[in-house]
């Protein structure tokens, strides 16, 4: 029996269904929302955006905020992701409703990355 470990056995990967619903906090520890879903590049297989749900009540009236994957850092003490922004910064952030999903084209990707001051990978 081969006892070498495959890279995905290291605990560094996670199933997308475990990411969905994970809380998102700012650096001050305030809960901003939770991950609604991920946007994955079809060609590279890399996660490009984590779409955070914020606002509303029980999912009604809430908006979706695409966050460049690079801005999320997993915090094991919080069992959630931490992002370097506060609720006020979300006011002007790119967002949409669950019924008005934008085309995730290069222009939209640039707009989102630019808002958060992140280079497009």
N, C-alpha and C. Protein backbone atom coordinates (compact mmCIF):
# COMPACT_ATOMS: atom_id res chain seq x y z
N UNK A 1 0.85 -1.18 0.00
CA UNK A 1 0.00 0.00 0.00
C UNK A 1 0.89 1.24 0.00
N UNK A 2 0.56 2.19 -0.85
CA UNK A 2 1.31 3.44 -0.96
C UNK A 2 0.93 4.35 0.20
N UNK A 3 1.90 4.76 1.00
CA UNK A 3 1.61 5.61 2.15
C UNK A 3 1.87 7.09 1.88
N UNK A 4 2.25 7.45 0.65
CA UNK A 4 2.45 8.86 0.34
C UNK A 4 1.10 9.54 0.25
N UNK A 5 1.09 10.79 0.64
CA UNK A 5 -0.17 11.54 0.65
C UNK A 5 -0.30 12.37 -0.61
N UNK A 6 -1.48 12.38 -1.15
CA UNK A 6 -1.78 13.27 -2.28
C UNK A 6 -1.89 14.68 -1.74
N UNK A 7 -1.61 15.70 -2.55
CA UNK A 7 -1.64 17.09 -2.05
C UNK A 7 -3.00 17.48 -1.49
N UNK A 8 -4.07 16.91 -1.99
CA UNK A 8 -5.39 17.28 -1.50
C UNK A 8 -5.74 16.60 -0.18
N UNK A 9 -4.88 15.75 0.32
CA UNK A 9 -5.11 15.13 1.63
C UNK A 9 -4.56 15.96 2.77
N UNK A 10 -3.94 17.07 2.46
CA UNK A 10 -3.24 17.85 3.48
C UNK A 10 -4.13 18.73 4.34
N UNK A 11 -5.40 18.81 4.01
CA UNK A 11 -6.27 19.71 4.76
C UNK A 11 -6.28 21.11 4.20
N UNK A 12 -5.57 21.33 3.09
CA UNK A 12 -5.52 22.65 2.48
C UNK A 12 -6.63 22.89 1.47
N UNK A 13 -7.42 21.88 1.19
CA UNK A 13 -8.53 22.06 0.26
C UNK A 13 -9.84 21.82 1.01
N UNK A 14 -10.92 22.36 0.45
CA UNK A 14 -12.22 22.24 1.09
C UNK A 14 -13.28 22.13 0.00
N UNK A 15 -14.30 21.40 0.27
CA UNK A 15 -15.42 21.25 -0.66
C UNK A 15 -16.20 22.56 -0.71
N UNK A 16 -16.69 22.91 -1.89
CA UNK A 16 -17.44 24.16 -2.03
C UNK A 16 -18.69 24.18 -1.15
N UNK A 17 -19.30 23.03 -0.90
CA UNK A 17 -20.49 23.04 -0.05
C UNK A 17 -20.17 23.36 1.41
N UNK A 18 -18.91 23.23 1.80
CA UNK A 18 -18.49 23.62 3.15
C UNK A 18 -18.17 25.11 3.21
N UNK A 19 -17.81 25.71 2.07
CA UNK A 19 -17.52 27.14 2.02
C UNK A 19 -18.83 27.94 2.03
N UNK A 20 -19.81 27.47 1.28
CA UNK A 20 -21.10 28.16 1.23
C UNK A 20 -21.72 28.19 2.62
N UNK A 21 -22.12 29.37 3.05
CA UNK A 21 -22.68 29.56 4.38
C UNK A 21 -21.66 29.96 5.43
N UNK A 22 -20.37 29.92 5.09
CA UNK A 22 -19.33 30.31 6.04
C UNK A 22 -19.40 31.81 6.29
N UNK A 23 -19.27 32.20 7.52
CA UNK A 23 -19.35 33.61 7.91
C UNK A 23 -18.15 34.39 7.37
N UNK A 24 -18.42 35.68 7.11
CA UNK A 24 -17.38 36.62 6.68
C UNK A 24 -17.35 37.75 7.70
N UNK A 25 -16.16 38.02 8.24
CA UNK A 25 -15.97 39.06 9.24
C UNK A 25 -15.02 40.12 8.71
N UNK A 26 -15.12 41.32 9.29
CA UNK A 26 -14.07 42.30 9.00
C UNK A 26 -12.98 42.15 10.04
N UNK A 27 -11.92 42.93 9.92
CA UNK A 27 -10.78 42.77 10.83
C UNK A 27 -11.12 43.19 12.27
N UNK A 28 -12.22 43.95 12.44
CA UNK A 28 -12.65 44.33 13.78
C UNK A 28 -13.48 43.23 14.44
N UNK A 29 -13.75 42.14 13.71
CA UNK A 29 -14.52 41.04 14.27
C UNK A 29 -16.01 41.11 14.03
N UNK A 30 -16.48 42.14 13.31
CA UNK A 30 -17.91 42.26 13.02
C UNK A 30 -18.29 41.32 11.88
N UNK A 31 -19.39 40.61 12.04
CA UNK A 31 -19.86 39.74 10.97
C UNK A 31 -20.49 40.59 9.89
N UNK A 32 -19.99 40.43 8.65
CA UNK A 32 -20.51 41.19 7.52
C UNK A 32 -21.58 40.42 6.76
N UNK A 33 -21.46 39.12 6.71
CA UNK A 33 -22.38 38.30 5.95
C UNK A 33 -21.88 36.88 5.91
N UNK A 34 -22.29 36.16 4.87
CA UNK A 34 -21.82 34.78 4.70
C UNK A 34 -21.65 34.49 3.21
N UNK A 35 -20.84 33.48 2.91
CA UNK A 35 -20.59 33.11 1.52
C UNK A 35 -21.84 32.46 0.95
N UNK A 36 -22.35 33.02 -0.13
CA UNK A 36 -23.52 32.46 -0.81
C UNK A 36 -23.08 31.40 -1.82
N UNK A 37 -22.08 31.75 -2.63
CA UNK A 37 -21.55 30.80 -3.62
C UNK A 37 -20.20 31.28 -4.13
N UNK A 38 -19.55 30.44 -4.89
CA UNK A 38 -18.25 30.75 -5.47
C UNK A 38 -18.38 30.87 -6.98
N UNK A 39 -17.54 31.72 -7.57
CA UNK A 39 -17.44 31.84 -9.02
C UNK A 39 -16.08 31.29 -9.41
N UNK A 40 -16.08 30.26 -10.25
CA UNK A 40 -14.86 29.54 -10.61
C UNK A 40 -14.55 29.73 -12.08
N UNK A 41 -13.29 30.03 -12.37
CA UNK A 41 -12.84 30.17 -13.76
C UNK A 41 -12.91 28.80 -14.43
N UNK A 42 -13.66 28.70 -15.52
CA UNK A 42 -13.86 27.41 -16.19
C UNK A 42 -12.58 26.85 -16.78
N UNK A 43 -11.69 27.70 -17.22
CA UNK A 43 -10.47 27.21 -17.86
C UNK A 43 -9.39 26.82 -16.86
N UNK A 44 -9.15 27.67 -15.88
CA UNK A 44 -8.07 27.39 -14.93
C UNK A 44 -8.52 26.54 -13.74
N UNK A 45 -9.82 26.58 -13.45
CA UNK A 45 -10.32 25.88 -12.28
C UNK A 45 -10.12 26.64 -10.97
N UNK A 46 -9.59 27.86 -11.06
CA UNK A 46 -9.32 28.67 -9.87
C UNK A 46 -10.57 29.42 -9.44
N UNK A 47 -10.76 29.54 -8.13
CA UNK A 47 -11.85 30.36 -7.61
C UNK A 47 -11.49 31.81 -7.88
N UNK A 48 -12.37 32.55 -8.51
CA UNK A 48 -12.13 33.96 -8.79
C UNK A 48 -12.82 34.87 -7.78
N UNK A 49 -14.05 34.51 -7.40
CA UNK A 49 -14.82 35.34 -6.48
C UNK A 49 -15.57 34.47 -5.49
N UNK A 50 -15.66 34.96 -4.27
CA UNK A 50 -16.58 34.42 -3.28
C UNK A 50 -17.70 35.45 -3.22
N UNK A 51 -18.92 35.03 -3.45
CA UNK A 51 -20.04 35.96 -3.45
C UNK A 51 -20.67 35.93 -2.06
N UNK A 52 -20.56 37.08 -1.37
CA UNK A 52 -21.05 37.19 -0.01
C UNK A 52 -22.47 37.73 -0.01
N UNK A 53 -23.31 37.11 0.79
CA UNK A 53 -24.68 37.59 0.98
C UNK A 53 -24.67 38.50 2.20
N UNK A 54 -25.28 39.67 2.07
CA UNK A 54 -25.26 40.67 3.14
C UNK A 54 -26.59 41.40 3.15
N UNK A 55 -27.11 41.65 4.33
CA UNK A 55 -28.34 42.41 4.48
C UNK A 55 -29.57 41.53 4.40
N UNK A 56 -30.72 42.16 4.47
CA UNK A 56 -31.97 41.43 4.38
C UNK A 56 -32.25 40.61 5.63
N UNK A 57 -33.27 39.78 5.51
CA UNK A 57 -33.69 38.93 6.62
C UNK A 57 -34.02 37.56 6.07
N UNK A 58 -33.34 36.53 6.58
CA UNK A 58 -33.53 35.16 6.13
C UNK A 58 -33.39 35.01 4.63
N UNK A 59 -32.43 35.74 4.06
CA UNK A 59 -32.15 35.64 2.64
C UNK A 59 -33.04 36.51 1.76
N UNK A 60 -34.05 37.14 2.35
CA UNK A 60 -34.95 37.99 1.57
C UNK A 60 -34.47 39.43 1.66
N UNK A 61 -34.37 40.09 0.51
CA UNK A 61 -33.93 41.48 0.48
C UNK A 61 -32.45 41.64 0.64
N UNK A 62 -31.70 40.55 0.58
CA UNK A 62 -30.26 40.65 0.73
C UNK A 62 -29.60 40.84 -0.62
N UNK A 63 -28.43 41.43 -0.60
CA UNK A 63 -27.65 41.65 -1.81
C UNK A 63 -26.49 40.67 -1.83
N UNK A 64 -25.94 40.49 -3.03
CA UNK A 64 -24.76 39.64 -3.22
C UNK A 64 -23.58 40.53 -3.56
N UNK A 65 -22.47 40.33 -2.90
CA UNK A 65 -21.26 41.12 -3.08
C UNK A 65 -20.14 40.21 -3.54
N UNK A 66 -19.70 40.33 -4.80
CA UNK A 66 -18.57 39.52 -5.24
C UNK A 66 -17.28 40.05 -4.63
N UNK A 67 -16.57 39.18 -3.95
CA UNK A 67 -15.29 39.55 -3.33
C UNK A 67 -14.20 38.79 -4.05
N UNK A 68 -13.16 39.48 -4.52
CA UNK A 68 -12.04 38.75 -5.12
C UNK A 68 -11.52 37.72 -4.11
N UNK A 69 -11.32 36.52 -4.56
CA UNK A 69 -10.88 35.45 -3.67
C UNK A 69 -9.64 35.84 -2.88
N UNK A 70 -8.79 36.66 -3.49
CA UNK A 70 -7.53 37.06 -2.86
C UNK A 70 -7.71 37.90 -1.60
N UNK A 71 -8.88 38.54 -1.40
CA UNK A 71 -9.06 39.37 -0.21
C UNK A 71 -9.52 38.58 1.00
N UNK A 72 -9.97 37.35 0.80
CA UNK A 72 -10.44 36.53 1.91
C UNK A 72 -9.30 35.75 2.53
N UNK A 73 -9.23 35.79 3.83
CA UNK A 73 -8.24 35.02 4.59
C UNK A 73 -9.02 34.19 5.61
N UNK A 74 -8.78 32.89 5.63
CA UNK A 74 -9.51 32.03 6.56
C UNK A 74 -8.90 32.15 7.96
N UNK A 75 -9.76 32.35 8.95
CA UNK A 75 -9.34 32.48 10.35
C UNK A 75 -9.90 31.28 11.11
N UNK A 76 -9.03 30.39 11.52
CA UNK A 76 -9.47 29.18 12.21
C UNK A 76 -10.11 29.48 13.56
N UNK A 77 -9.72 30.58 14.21
CA UNK A 77 -10.31 30.90 15.51
C UNK A 77 -11.76 31.35 15.37
N UNK A 78 -12.10 31.91 14.23
CA UNK A 78 -13.47 32.36 13.97
C UNK A 78 -14.27 31.34 13.14
N UNK A 79 -13.56 30.36 12.59
CA UNK A 79 -14.19 29.42 11.65
C UNK A 79 -14.90 30.18 10.54
N UNK A 80 -14.24 31.23 10.08
CA UNK A 80 -14.81 32.06 9.02
C UNK A 80 -13.73 32.82 8.29
N UNK A 81 -14.14 33.55 7.28
CA UNK A 81 -13.23 34.35 6.48
C UNK A 81 -13.18 35.77 7.02
N UNK A 82 -12.02 36.39 6.91
CA UNK A 82 -11.82 37.78 7.33
C UNK A 82 -11.43 38.57 6.10
N UNK A 83 -12.07 39.74 5.94
CA UNK A 83 -11.77 40.63 4.82
C UNK A 83 -11.40 42.00 5.37
N UNK A 84 -10.51 42.71 4.68
CA UNK A 84 -10.05 44.02 5.17
C UNK A 84 -10.98 45.16 4.77
N UNK A 85 -12.23 45.11 5.20
CA UNK A 85 -13.17 46.19 4.91
C UNK A 85 -14.23 46.24 5.98
N UNK A 86 -14.93 47.36 6.02
CA UNK A 86 -15.99 47.50 7.02
C UNK A 86 -17.33 47.68 6.32
N UNK A 87 -18.39 47.75 7.11
CA UNK A 87 -19.74 47.84 6.55
C UNK A 87 -19.91 49.09 5.70
N UNK A 88 -19.26 50.19 6.07
CA UNK A 88 -19.37 51.42 5.27
C UNK A 88 -18.79 51.24 3.88
N UNK A 89 -17.69 50.48 3.77
CA UNK A 89 -17.09 50.24 2.46
C UNK A 89 -18.00 49.40 1.57
N UNK A 90 -18.87 48.61 2.16
CA UNK A 90 -19.79 47.79 1.36
C UNK A 90 -20.86 48.65 0.68
N UNK A 91 -21.11 49.83 1.22
CA UNK A 91 -22.16 50.68 0.64
C UNK A 91 -21.90 51.00 -0.84
N UNK A 92 -20.64 51.24 -1.21
CA UNK A 92 -20.32 51.57 -2.59
C UNK A 92 -19.78 50.40 -3.40
N UNK A 93 -19.74 49.23 -2.79
CA UNK A 93 -19.15 48.06 -3.45
C UNK A 93 -20.05 47.51 -4.55
N UNK A 94 -19.47 46.88 -5.56
CA UNK A 94 -20.28 46.21 -6.57
C UNK A 94 -21.17 45.16 -5.90
N UNK A 95 -22.43 45.17 -6.26
CA UNK A 95 -23.39 44.22 -5.68
C UNK A 95 -24.56 44.01 -6.62
N UNK A 96 -25.34 43.00 -6.33
CA UNK A 96 -26.52 42.71 -7.13
C UNK A 96 -27.49 41.87 -6.30
N UNK A 97 -28.72 41.77 -6.78
CA UNK A 97 -29.71 40.93 -6.12
C UNK A 97 -29.63 39.52 -6.70
N UNK A 98 -30.26 38.59 -6.05
CA UNK A 98 -30.22 37.20 -6.52
C UNK A 98 -30.93 37.04 -7.85
N UNK A 99 -31.77 38.00 -8.22
CA UNK A 99 -32.50 37.90 -9.50
C UNK A 99 -31.89 38.76 -10.60
N UNK A 100 -30.82 39.50 -10.28
CA UNK A 100 -30.21 40.40 -11.26
C UNK A 100 -28.70 40.16 -11.34
N UNK A 101 -28.32 38.91 -11.60
CA UNK A 101 -26.91 38.52 -11.63
C UNK A 101 -26.23 39.12 -12.86
N UNK A 102 -25.12 39.82 -12.68
CA UNK A 102 -24.42 40.42 -13.81
C UNK A 102 -23.65 39.37 -14.61
N UNK A 103 -23.25 39.75 -15.80
CA UNK A 103 -22.35 38.91 -16.59
C UNK A 103 -20.97 39.06 -15.98
N UNK A 104 -20.37 37.98 -15.58
CA UNK A 104 -19.03 38.02 -15.00
C UNK A 104 -18.01 38.04 -16.12
N UNK A 105 -18.00 39.14 -16.88
CA UNK A 105 -17.05 39.28 -17.97
C UNK A 105 -15.81 40.03 -17.47
N UNK A 106 -14.86 40.26 -18.35
CA UNK A 106 -13.59 40.88 -17.95
C UNK A 106 -13.80 42.29 -17.40
N UNK A 107 -14.75 43.04 -17.98
CA UNK A 107 -15.01 44.40 -17.48
C UNK A 107 -15.56 44.38 -16.06
N UNK A 108 -16.49 43.45 -15.81
CA UNK A 108 -17.05 43.35 -14.46
C UNK A 108 -15.96 42.91 -13.47
N UNK A 109 -15.16 41.93 -13.88
CA UNK A 109 -14.06 41.47 -13.03
C UNK A 109 -13.09 42.59 -12.69
N UNK A 110 -12.78 43.42 -13.68
CA UNK A 110 -11.88 44.57 -13.43
C UNK A 110 -12.50 45.54 -12.45
N UNK A 111 -13.80 45.80 -12.61
CA UNK A 111 -14.49 46.74 -11.72
C UNK A 111 -14.44 46.24 -10.28
N UNK A 112 -14.72 44.96 -10.08
CA UNK A 112 -14.71 44.40 -8.73
C UNK A 112 -13.30 44.43 -8.14
N UNK A 113 -12.32 43.97 -8.91
CA UNK A 113 -10.94 43.97 -8.41
C UNK A 113 -10.45 45.39 -8.12
N UNK A 114 -10.80 46.33 -8.98
CA UNK A 114 -10.40 47.71 -8.79
C UNK A 114 -10.99 48.28 -7.50
N UNK A 115 -12.26 47.99 -7.23
CA UNK A 115 -12.90 48.51 -6.03
C UNK A 115 -12.15 48.07 -4.77
N UNK A 116 -11.70 46.84 -4.77
CA UNK A 116 -11.01 46.30 -3.60
C UNK A 116 -9.50 46.49 -3.66
N UNK A 117 -9.01 47.13 -4.73
CA UNK A 117 -7.59 47.42 -4.84
C UNK A 117 -6.73 46.18 -5.02
N UNK A 118 -7.26 45.21 -5.76
CA UNK A 118 -6.58 43.95 -5.97
C UNK A 118 -6.30 43.78 -7.46
N UNK A 119 -5.09 43.32 -7.78
CA UNK A 119 -4.75 43.04 -9.18
C UNK A 119 -5.51 41.81 -9.66
N UNK A 120 -5.89 41.82 -10.91
CA UNK A 120 -6.54 40.65 -11.49
C UNK A 120 -5.49 39.57 -11.67
N UNK A 121 -5.78 38.36 -11.17
CA UNK A 121 -4.79 37.27 -11.27
C UNK A 121 -4.55 36.85 -12.71
